[in-house]
Amino acid sequence: MAARVALCFLLRASADGPEVLLGRKKRGFGLGKIVGLGGHLEEGESAAEAAARELFEEAGVTLVEGAMRPAGTVDFRFPARPEWDMECSMFTCTRWTGEIAESEEIEPAWYPASALPLTDMWQDADHWLPVVLSGVASDFLVVMAEDNETVAKFSVKGAGQD
């Protein structure tokens, strides 16, 4: 059974255009990669609650209630490692309190939404993250190849491509 996870992408305006908060993983799944902030849902927790909790744990910020916006889902499938399968709910948020800080798990940093650090991210990110950051909520399917790194199949759910 796929793990249930939630991600929340903090967005801010800058002189050069919108920026997104991502983080380099310091431990665990995806070690060394730049990823969206978030993680597993705990028992009885909604995806939105998990995303808010994870942002606090990983970056030290509290999301402003009602400021999170649903941004769709990504189902990640790893045929060579099915225990890595994830069903991911995504959110964006433009309002929070507290100062962004590094944690034991994540080294957060701001990146231009138009120039994502794709070479340091999972290879699937360029398929769906620009869509999410554009404000279009969509549901995606990503099937990874046998190497668990490259994308074997990508589709937008409900678009007749599954």
N, C-alpha and C. Protein backbone atom coordinates (compact mmCIF):
# COMPACT_ATOMS: atom_id res chain seq x y z
N MET A 1 0.85 -1.19 0.00
CA MET A 1 0.00 0.00 0.00
C MET A 1 0.89 1.24 0.00
N ALA A 2 0.54 2.19 -0.80
CA ALA A 2 1.33 3.42 -0.93
C ALA A 2 1.23 4.27 0.33
N ALA A 3 2.34 4.87 0.71
CA ALA A 3 2.37 5.80 1.84
C ALA A 3 1.62 7.07 1.45
N ARG A 4 0.94 7.65 2.42
CA ARG A 4 0.27 8.94 2.19
C ARG A 4 1.16 10.04 2.71
N VAL A 5 1.48 11.00 1.83
CA VAL A 5 2.34 12.12 2.19
C VAL A 5 1.71 13.42 1.72
N ALA A 6 2.21 14.52 2.26
CA ALA A 6 1.73 15.85 1.88
C ALA A 6 2.92 16.78 1.74
N LEU A 7 2.86 17.63 0.72
CA LEU A 7 3.87 18.66 0.49
C LEU A 7 3.19 20.02 0.48
N CYS A 8 3.91 21.04 0.95
CA CYS A 8 3.41 22.41 0.84
C CYS A 8 4.54 23.28 0.32
N PHE A 9 4.27 23.98 -0.75
CA PHE A 9 5.23 24.87 -1.38
C PHE A 9 4.93 26.30 -0.95
N LEU A 10 5.84 26.88 -0.15
CA LEU A 10 5.69 28.28 0.22
C LEU A 10 6.13 29.12 -0.96
N LEU A 11 5.35 30.15 -1.25
CA LEU A 11 5.62 31.04 -2.38
C LEU A 11 5.72 32.48 -1.89
N ARG A 12 6.65 33.22 -2.47
CA ARG A 12 6.77 34.64 -2.14
C ARG A 12 7.12 35.41 -3.41
N ALA A 13 6.77 36.68 -3.39
CA ALA A 13 7.10 37.56 -4.51
C ALA A 13 8.50 38.11 -4.30
N SER A 14 9.21 38.32 -5.40
CA SER A 14 10.52 38.98 -5.36
C SER A 14 10.60 39.91 -6.57
N ALA A 15 11.61 40.74 -6.60
CA ALA A 15 11.78 41.68 -7.71
C ALA A 15 11.93 40.96 -9.04
N ASP A 16 12.45 39.71 -9.01
CA ASP A 16 12.67 38.95 -10.24
C ASP A 16 11.54 37.95 -10.53
N GLY A 17 10.46 38.02 -9.79
CA GLY A 17 9.35 37.10 -10.00
C GLY A 17 9.15 36.18 -8.80
N PRO A 18 8.16 35.30 -8.87
CA PRO A 18 7.85 34.44 -7.73
C PRO A 18 8.98 33.48 -7.38
N GLU A 19 9.10 33.21 -6.08
CA GLU A 19 10.08 32.25 -5.57
C GLU A 19 9.36 31.18 -4.77
N VAL A 20 9.98 30.01 -4.71
CA VAL A 20 9.43 28.87 -3.98
C VAL A 20 10.47 28.39 -2.98
N LEU A 21 9.98 27.99 -1.80
CA LEU A 21 10.87 27.42 -0.79
C LEU A 21 10.99 25.92 -1.02
N LEU A 22 12.21 25.47 -1.25
CA LEU A 22 12.54 24.05 -1.37
C LEU A 22 13.64 23.77 -0.35
N GLY A 23 14.00 22.50 -0.18
CA GLY A 23 15.04 22.21 0.78
C GLY A 23 15.88 21.02 0.37
N ARG A 24 17.16 21.08 0.73
CA ARG A 24 18.06 19.95 0.49
C ARG A 24 17.92 18.97 1.66
N LYS A 25 17.63 17.70 1.31
CA LYS A 25 17.45 16.66 2.33
C LYS A 25 18.79 16.33 2.98
N LYS A 26 18.81 16.36 4.30
CA LYS A 26 20.02 16.07 5.06
C LYS A 26 20.04 14.64 5.60
N ARG A 27 18.89 13.95 5.52
CA ARG A 27 18.81 12.57 5.98
C ARG A 27 17.56 11.93 5.39
N GLY A 28 17.52 10.59 5.46
CA GLY A 28 16.32 9.86 5.05
C GLY A 28 16.15 9.76 3.55
N PHE A 29 14.92 9.45 3.14
CA PHE A 29 14.56 9.26 1.74
C PHE A 29 14.89 10.51 0.94
N GLY A 30 15.62 10.34 -0.15
CA GLY A 30 15.99 11.47 -0.99
C GLY A 30 17.20 12.24 -0.49
N LEU A 31 18.00 11.64 0.38
CA LEU A 31 19.18 12.28 0.94
C LEU A 31 19.99 12.99 -0.15
N GLY A 32 20.31 14.28 0.09
CA GLY A 32 21.12 15.06 -0.84
C GLY A 32 20.34 15.76 -1.94
N LYS A 33 19.10 15.34 -2.16
CA LYS A 33 18.29 15.96 -3.22
C LYS A 33 17.57 17.21 -2.69
N ILE A 34 17.27 18.12 -3.60
CA ILE A 34 16.42 19.26 -3.27
C ILE A 34 14.98 18.83 -3.50
N VAL A 35 14.15 19.03 -2.48
CA VAL A 35 12.79 18.52 -2.48
C VAL A 35 11.81 19.58 -1.98
N GLY A 36 10.53 19.30 -2.19
CA GLY A 36 9.49 20.09 -1.55
C GLY A 36 9.42 19.71 -0.08
N LEU A 37 8.99 20.64 0.76
CA LEU A 37 8.89 20.35 2.18
C LEU A 37 7.58 19.63 2.48
N GLY A 38 7.68 18.62 3.31
CA GLY A 38 6.51 17.84 3.68
C GLY A 38 6.91 16.46 4.14
N GLY A 39 5.92 15.60 4.31
CA GLY A 39 6.21 14.25 4.76
C GLY A 39 4.95 13.43 4.98
N HIS A 40 5.12 12.34 5.72
CA HIS A 40 4.05 11.37 5.93
C HIS A 40 2.93 11.91 6.82
N LEU A 41 1.72 11.47 6.50
CA LEU A 41 0.58 11.77 7.35
C LEU A 41 0.64 10.88 8.58
N GLU A 42 0.35 11.45 9.74
CA GLU A 42 0.26 10.68 10.97
C GLU A 42 -1.18 10.21 11.15
N GLU A 43 -1.37 9.23 12.01
CA GLU A 43 -2.69 8.65 12.26
C GLU A 43 -3.71 9.74 12.57
N GLY A 44 -4.83 9.74 11.83
CA GLY A 44 -5.92 10.68 12.06
C GLY A 44 -5.69 12.08 11.53
N GLU A 45 -4.60 12.30 10.85
CA GLU A 45 -4.24 13.62 10.35
C GLU A 45 -4.73 13.79 8.91
N SER A 46 -5.25 14.97 8.58
CA SER A 46 -5.58 15.27 7.19
C SER A 46 -4.30 15.64 6.45
N ALA A 47 -4.36 15.65 5.12
CA ALA A 47 -3.19 16.04 4.33
C ALA A 47 -2.79 17.48 4.64
N ALA A 48 -3.77 18.36 4.78
CA ALA A 48 -3.45 19.77 5.09
C ALA A 48 -2.80 19.89 6.46
N GLU A 49 -3.30 19.14 7.45
CA GLU A 49 -2.70 19.17 8.78
C GLU A 49 -1.26 18.65 8.74
N ALA A 50 -1.05 17.59 7.99
CA ALA A 50 0.31 17.02 7.87
C ALA A 50 1.25 18.02 7.22
N ALA A 51 0.80 18.67 6.15
CA ALA A 51 1.65 19.64 5.46
C ALA A 51 2.03 20.78 6.40
N ALA A 52 1.07 21.28 7.16
CA ALA A 52 1.35 22.37 8.09
C ALA A 52 2.31 21.91 9.19
N ARG A 53 2.11 20.72 9.74
CA ARG A 53 3.00 20.19 10.77
C ARG A 53 4.41 20.03 10.23
N GLU A 54 4.52 19.46 9.03
CA GLU A 54 5.84 19.24 8.44
C GLU A 54 6.56 20.55 8.16
N LEU A 55 5.86 21.59 7.72
CA LEU A 55 6.51 22.89 7.48
C LEU A 55 7.06 23.45 8.78
N PHE A 56 6.33 23.24 9.88
CA PHE A 56 6.83 23.70 11.16
C PHE A 56 8.06 22.89 11.58
N GLU A 57 7.99 21.56 11.43
CA GLU A 57 9.10 20.70 11.84
C GLU A 57 10.34 20.91 10.98
N GLU A 58 10.15 21.09 9.67
CA GLU A 58 11.29 21.16 8.75
C GLU A 58 11.85 22.56 8.56
N ALA A 59 11.02 23.59 8.72
CA ALA A 59 11.49 24.96 8.43
C ALA A 59 11.15 25.96 9.53
N GLY A 60 10.45 25.53 10.59
CA GLY A 60 10.19 26.40 11.72
C GLY A 60 9.13 27.46 11.51
N VAL A 61 8.28 27.30 10.50
CA VAL A 61 7.23 28.30 10.25
C VAL A 61 5.85 27.72 10.50
N THR A 62 4.93 28.60 10.86
CA THR A 62 3.54 28.22 11.08
C THR A 62 2.71 28.81 9.95
N LEU A 63 1.98 27.97 9.26
CA LEU A 63 1.16 28.45 8.15
C LEU A 63 -0.05 29.19 8.71
N VAL A 64 -0.42 30.28 8.06
CA VAL A 64 -1.60 31.04 8.47
C VAL A 64 -2.83 30.22 8.11
N GLU A 65 -3.70 30.02 9.10
CA GLU A 65 -4.89 29.21 8.88
C GLU A 65 -5.72 29.76 7.73
N GLY A 66 -6.14 28.88 6.84
CA GLY A 66 -6.93 29.27 5.69
C GLY A 66 -6.11 29.75 4.50
N ALA A 67 -4.78 29.86 4.67
CA ALA A 67 -3.95 30.38 3.58
C ALA A 67 -3.44 29.28 2.64
N MET A 68 -3.56 28.02 3.05
CA MET A 68 -3.12 26.92 2.18
C MET A 68 -4.12 26.71 1.05
N ARG A 69 -3.60 26.47 -0.14
CA ARG A 69 -4.45 26.20 -1.30
C ARG A 69 -4.12 24.82 -1.85
N PRO A 70 -5.14 23.98 -2.08
CA PRO A 70 -4.89 22.67 -2.69
C PRO A 70 -4.24 22.85 -4.06
N ALA A 71 -3.21 22.04 -4.35
CA ALA A 71 -2.47 22.16 -5.61
C ALA A 71 -2.47 20.86 -6.40
N GLY A 72 -3.29 19.88 -5.99
CA GLY A 72 -3.37 18.63 -6.72
C GLY A 72 -2.67 17.49 -6.01
N THR A 73 -2.44 16.43 -6.77
CA THR A 73 -1.83 15.23 -6.21
C THR A 73 -0.80 14.67 -7.19
N VAL A 74 0.14 13.90 -6.64
CA VAL A 74 1.06 13.11 -7.46
C VAL A 74 1.09 11.71 -6.86
N ASP A 75 0.79 10.72 -7.67
CA ASP A 75 0.98 9.33 -7.27
C ASP A 75 2.32 8.89 -7.82
N PHE A 76 3.24 8.58 -6.91
CA PHE A 76 4.57 8.12 -7.28
C PHE A 76 4.59 6.60 -7.18
N ARG A 77 5.01 5.95 -8.25
CA ARG A 77 5.11 4.49 -8.26
C ARG A 77 6.54 4.09 -8.58
N PHE A 78 7.06 3.18 -7.77
CA PHE A 78 8.41 2.64 -7.91
C PHE A 78 8.29 1.13 -8.11
N PRO A 79 8.08 0.64 -9.35
CA PRO A 79 7.88 -0.79 -9.57
C PRO A 79 9.03 -1.65 -9.02
N ALA A 80 10.25 -1.13 -9.03
CA ALA A 80 11.38 -1.90 -8.53
C ALA A 80 11.47 -1.85 -7.00
N ARG A 81 10.79 -0.90 -6.38
CA ARG A 81 10.79 -0.75 -4.92
C ARG A 81 9.39 -0.31 -4.48
N PRO A 82 8.40 -1.19 -4.57
CA PRO A 82 7.02 -0.78 -4.26
C PRO A 82 6.84 -0.21 -2.85
N GLU A 83 7.75 -0.53 -1.96
CA GLU A 83 7.65 0.03 -0.61
C GLU A 83 7.90 1.55 -0.61
N TRP A 84 8.42 2.09 -1.72
CA TRP A 84 8.62 3.53 -1.85
C TRP A 84 7.41 4.24 -2.45
N ASP A 85 6.39 3.51 -2.91
CA ASP A 85 5.22 4.12 -3.52
C ASP A 85 4.61 5.16 -2.58
N MET A 86 4.17 6.29 -3.15
CA MET A 86 3.58 7.37 -2.36
C MET A 86 2.39 7.98 -3.08
N GLU A 87 1.40 8.32 -2.31
CA GLU A 87 0.27 9.13 -2.78
C GLU A 87 0.43 10.48 -2.10
N CYS A 88 0.73 11.48 -2.90
CA CYS A 88 1.12 12.78 -2.37
C CYS A 88 0.05 13.84 -2.65
N SER A 89 -0.42 14.50 -1.60
CA SER A 89 -1.30 15.66 -1.71
C SER A 89 -0.43 16.90 -1.64
N MET A 90 -0.70 17.87 -2.50
CA MET A 90 0.14 19.07 -2.56
C MET A 90 -0.68 20.33 -2.27
N PHE A 91 0.02 21.29 -1.68
CA PHE A 91 -0.58 22.58 -1.34
C PHE A 91 0.43 23.69 -1.67
N THR A 92 -0.10 24.89 -1.83
CA THR A 92 0.75 26.08 -1.89
C THR A 92 0.27 27.01 -0.78
N CYS A 93 1.16 27.91 -0.37
CA CYS A 93 0.81 28.85 0.69
C CYS A 93 1.66 30.10 0.53
N THR A 94 1.04 31.26 0.72
CA THR A 94 1.76 32.52 0.59
C THR A 94 1.82 33.29 1.90
N ARG A 95 1.25 32.73 2.98
CA ARG A 95 1.26 33.44 4.26
C ARG A 95 1.62 32.49 5.38
N TRP A 96 2.58 32.91 6.19
CA TRP A 96 3.03 32.12 7.34
C TRP A 96 3.62 33.06 8.37
N THR A 97 3.86 32.54 9.56
CA THR A 97 4.51 33.31 10.60
C THR A 97 5.78 32.58 11.03
N GLY A 98 6.73 33.33 11.55
CA GLY A 98 7.99 32.75 11.99
C GLY A 98 9.05 32.94 10.92
N GLU A 99 10.29 32.68 11.30
CA GLU A 99 11.42 32.81 10.40
C GLU A 99 11.83 31.44 9.89
N ILE A 100 12.04 31.33 8.60
CA ILE A 100 12.47 30.06 8.01
C ILE A 100 13.85 29.72 8.54
N ALA A 101 13.98 28.48 9.02
CA ALA A 101 15.24 28.04 9.62
C ALA A 101 15.55 26.61 9.22
N GLU A 102 16.83 26.29 9.20
CA GLU A 102 17.29 24.94 8.90
C GLU A 102 16.92 24.00 10.06
N SER A 103 16.61 22.75 9.71
CA SER A 103 16.29 21.73 10.72
C SER A 103 17.27 20.57 10.56
N GLU A 104 17.10 19.55 11.37
CA GLU A 104 17.95 18.37 11.26
C GLU A 104 17.74 17.64 9.93
N GLU A 105 16.57 17.83 9.31
CA GLU A 105 16.23 17.11 8.09
C GLU A 105 16.40 17.91 6.81
N ILE A 106 16.18 19.22 6.88
CA ILE A 106 16.10 20.04 5.67
C ILE A 106 16.94 21.31 5.80
N GLU A 107 17.63 21.65 4.71
CA GLU A 107 18.31 22.93 4.58
C GLU A 107 17.49 23.74 3.58
N PRO A 108 16.57 24.60 4.07
CA PRO A 108 15.68 25.32 3.16
C PRO A 108 16.36 26.47 2.44
N ALA A 109 15.87 26.76 1.23
CA ALA A 109 16.37 27.89 0.45
C ALA A 109 15.30 28.31 -0.55
N TRP A 110 15.31 29.59 -0.91
CA TRP A 110 14.38 30.12 -1.90
C TRP A 110 14.98 29.97 -3.30
N TYR A 111 14.11 29.61 -4.24
CA TYR A 111 14.52 29.44 -5.65
C TYR A 111 13.51 30.16 -6.53
N PRO A 112 13.99 30.79 -7.62
CA PRO A 112 13.04 31.38 -8.58
C PRO A 112 12.16 30.28 -9.17
N ALA A 113 10.86 30.52 -9.19
CA ALA A 113 9.94 29.53 -9.76
C ALA A 113 10.25 29.29 -11.24
N SER A 114 10.87 30.26 -11.88
CA SER A 114 11.20 30.13 -13.30
C SER A 114 12.55 29.47 -13.55
N ALA A 115 13.31 29.20 -12.49
CA ALA A 115 14.64 28.59 -12.63
C ALA A 115 14.87 27.59 -11.50
N LEU A 116 14.07 26.55 -11.49
CA LEU A 116 14.16 25.54 -10.43
C LEU A 116 15.47 24.77 -10.52
N PRO A 117 16.00 24.30 -9.39
CA PRO A 117 17.28 23.57 -9.37
C PRO A 117 17.08 22.11 -9.79
N LEU A 118 16.57 21.90 -10.99
CA LEU A 118 16.14 20.57 -11.43
C LEU A 118 17.25 19.53 -11.44
N THR A 119 18.50 19.93 -11.67
CA THR A 119 19.58 18.94 -11.71
C THR A 119 19.85 18.34 -10.34
N ASP A 120 19.39 19.01 -9.27
CA ASP A 120 19.57 18.50 -7.91
C ASP A 120 18.29 17.90 -7.33
N MET A 121 17.25 17.79 -8.16
CA MET A 121 15.96 17.28 -7.69
C MET A 121 15.72 15.89 -8.27
N TRP A 122 14.67 15.22 -7.77
CA TRP A 122 14.23 13.98 -8.41
C TRP A 122 13.91 14.30 -9.87
N GLN A 123 14.19 13.39 -10.78
CA GLN A 123 14.04 13.67 -12.21
C GLN A 123 12.59 13.91 -12.64
N ASP A 124 11.64 13.53 -11.80
CA ASP A 124 10.23 13.74 -12.17
C ASP A 124 9.78 15.19 -11.93
N ALA A 125 10.51 15.95 -11.12
CA ALA A 125 10.05 17.28 -10.70
C ALA A 125 9.75 18.21 -11.87
N ASP A 126 10.55 18.14 -12.91
CA ASP A 126 10.31 19.06 -14.04
C ASP A 126 9.03 18.75 -14.78
N HIS A 127 8.45 17.57 -14.57
CA HIS A 127 7.19 17.21 -15.23
C HIS A 127 5.98 17.88 -14.56
N TRP A 128 6.00 17.98 -13.25
CA TRP A 128 4.80 18.45 -12.55
C TRP A 128 4.98 19.72 -11.71
N LEU A 129 6.18 19.98 -11.20
CA LEU A 129 6.34 21.13 -10.30
C LEU A 129 6.07 22.47 -10.97
N PRO A 130 6.52 22.73 -12.19
CA PRO A 130 6.17 24.01 -12.82
C PRO A 130 4.65 24.21 -12.95
N VAL A 131 3.91 23.14 -13.19
CA VAL A 131 2.45 23.25 -13.28
C VAL A 131 1.87 23.66 -11.93
N VAL A 132 2.32 22.99 -10.87
CA VAL A 132 1.87 23.31 -9.51
C VAL A 132 2.17 24.76 -9.17
N LEU A 133 3.38 25.20 -9.48
CA LEU A 133 3.78 26.57 -9.14
C LEU A 133 3.07 27.62 -9.99
N SER A 134 2.53 27.21 -11.13
CA SER A 134 1.77 28.14 -11.98
C SER A 134 0.37 28.39 -11.43
N GLY A 135 -0.02 27.62 -10.42
CA GLY A 135 -1.34 27.81 -9.82
C GLY A 135 -2.41 26.89 -10.38
N VAL A 136 -2.05 25.98 -11.26
CA VAL A 136 -3.02 25.05 -11.84
C VAL A 136 -3.00 23.76 -11.02
N ALA A 137 -4.07 23.52 -10.27
CA ALA A 137 -4.17 22.29 -9.49
C ALA A 137 -4.42 21.13 -10.45
N SER A 138 -3.57 20.12 -10.39
CA SER A 138 -3.67 18.98 -11.29
C SER A 138 -3.30 17.71 -10.53
N ASP A 139 -3.70 16.59 -11.09
CA ASP A 139 -3.39 15.28 -10.52
C ASP A 139 -2.51 14.52 -11.50
N PHE A 140 -1.37 14.02 -11.00
CA PHE A 140 -0.36 13.40 -11.84
C PHE A 140 -0.06 11.97 -11.41
N LEU A 141 0.43 11.19 -12.36
CA LEU A 141 0.96 9.86 -12.09
C LEU A 141 2.39 9.84 -12.60
N VAL A 142 3.33 9.43 -11.72
CA VAL A 142 4.73 9.29 -12.08
C VAL A 142 5.13 7.85 -11.78
N VAL A 143 5.58 7.14 -12.81
CA VAL A 143 6.09 5.78 -12.64
C VAL A 143 7.58 5.84 -12.92
N MET A 144 8.36 5.43 -11.93
CA MET A 144 9.81 5.48 -12.06
C MET A 144 10.32 4.21 -12.74
N ALA A 145 11.46 4.34 -13.40
CA ALA A 145 12.10 3.21 -14.09
C ALA A 145 12.78 2.29 -13.06
N GLU A 146 13.33 1.21 -13.55
CA GLU A 146 13.98 0.21 -12.69
C GLU A 146 15.11 0.80 -11.84
N ASP A 147 15.74 1.89 -12.31
CA ASP A 147 16.83 2.50 -11.55
C ASP A 147 16.34 3.37 -10.40
N ASN A 148 15.01 3.53 -10.28
CA ASN A 148 14.38 4.35 -9.24
C ASN A 148 14.79 5.82 -9.31
N GLU A 149 15.32 6.25 -10.43
CA GLU A 149 15.75 7.63 -10.61
C GLU A 149 15.09 8.29 -11.81
N THR A 150 15.03 7.58 -12.93
CA THR A 150 14.47 8.17 -14.15
C THR A 150 12.98 7.86 -14.26
N VAL A 151 12.30 8.70 -15.02
CA VAL A 151 10.85 8.56 -15.18
C VAL A 151 10.56 7.61 -16.34
N ALA A 152 9.81 6.55 -16.06
CA ALA A 152 9.41 5.60 -17.09
C ALA A 152 8.09 6.05 -17.74
N LYS A 153 7.21 6.65 -16.93
CA LYS A 153 5.90 7.08 -17.42
C LYS A 153 5.44 8.29 -16.60
N PHE A 154 4.86 9.25 -17.31
CA PHE A 154 4.27 10.42 -16.67
C PHE A 154 2.94 10.70 -17.33
N SER A 155 1.93 10.96 -16.54
CA SER A 155 0.65 11.33 -17.12
C SER A 155 -0.12 12.25 -16.18
N VAL A 156 -1.04 12.98 -16.77
CA VAL A 156 -1.95 13.81 -16.01
C VAL A 156 -3.24 13.01 -15.87
N LYS A 157 -3.62 12.74 -14.64
CA LYS A 157 -4.83 11.93 -14.41
C LYS A 157 -6.05 12.67 -14.93
N GLY A 158 -6.97 11.92 -15.49
CA GLY A 158 -8.20 12.50 -15.98
C GLY A 158 -8.05 13.24 -17.29
N ALA A 159 -6.86 13.21 -17.88
CA ALA A 159 -6.64 13.90 -19.16
C ALA A 159 -6.61 12.93 -20.31
N GLY A 160 -7.09 11.71 -20.06
CA GLY A 160 -7.12 10.72 -21.12
C GLY A 160 -5.77 10.13 -21.43
N GLN A 161 -4.79 10.33 -20.54
CA GLN A 161 -3.45 9.87 -20.79
C GLN A 161 -3.06 8.70 -19.90
N ASP A 162 -3.91 8.31 -18.95
CA ASP A 162 -3.57 7.20 -18.04
C ASP A 162 -3.52 5.89 -18.77
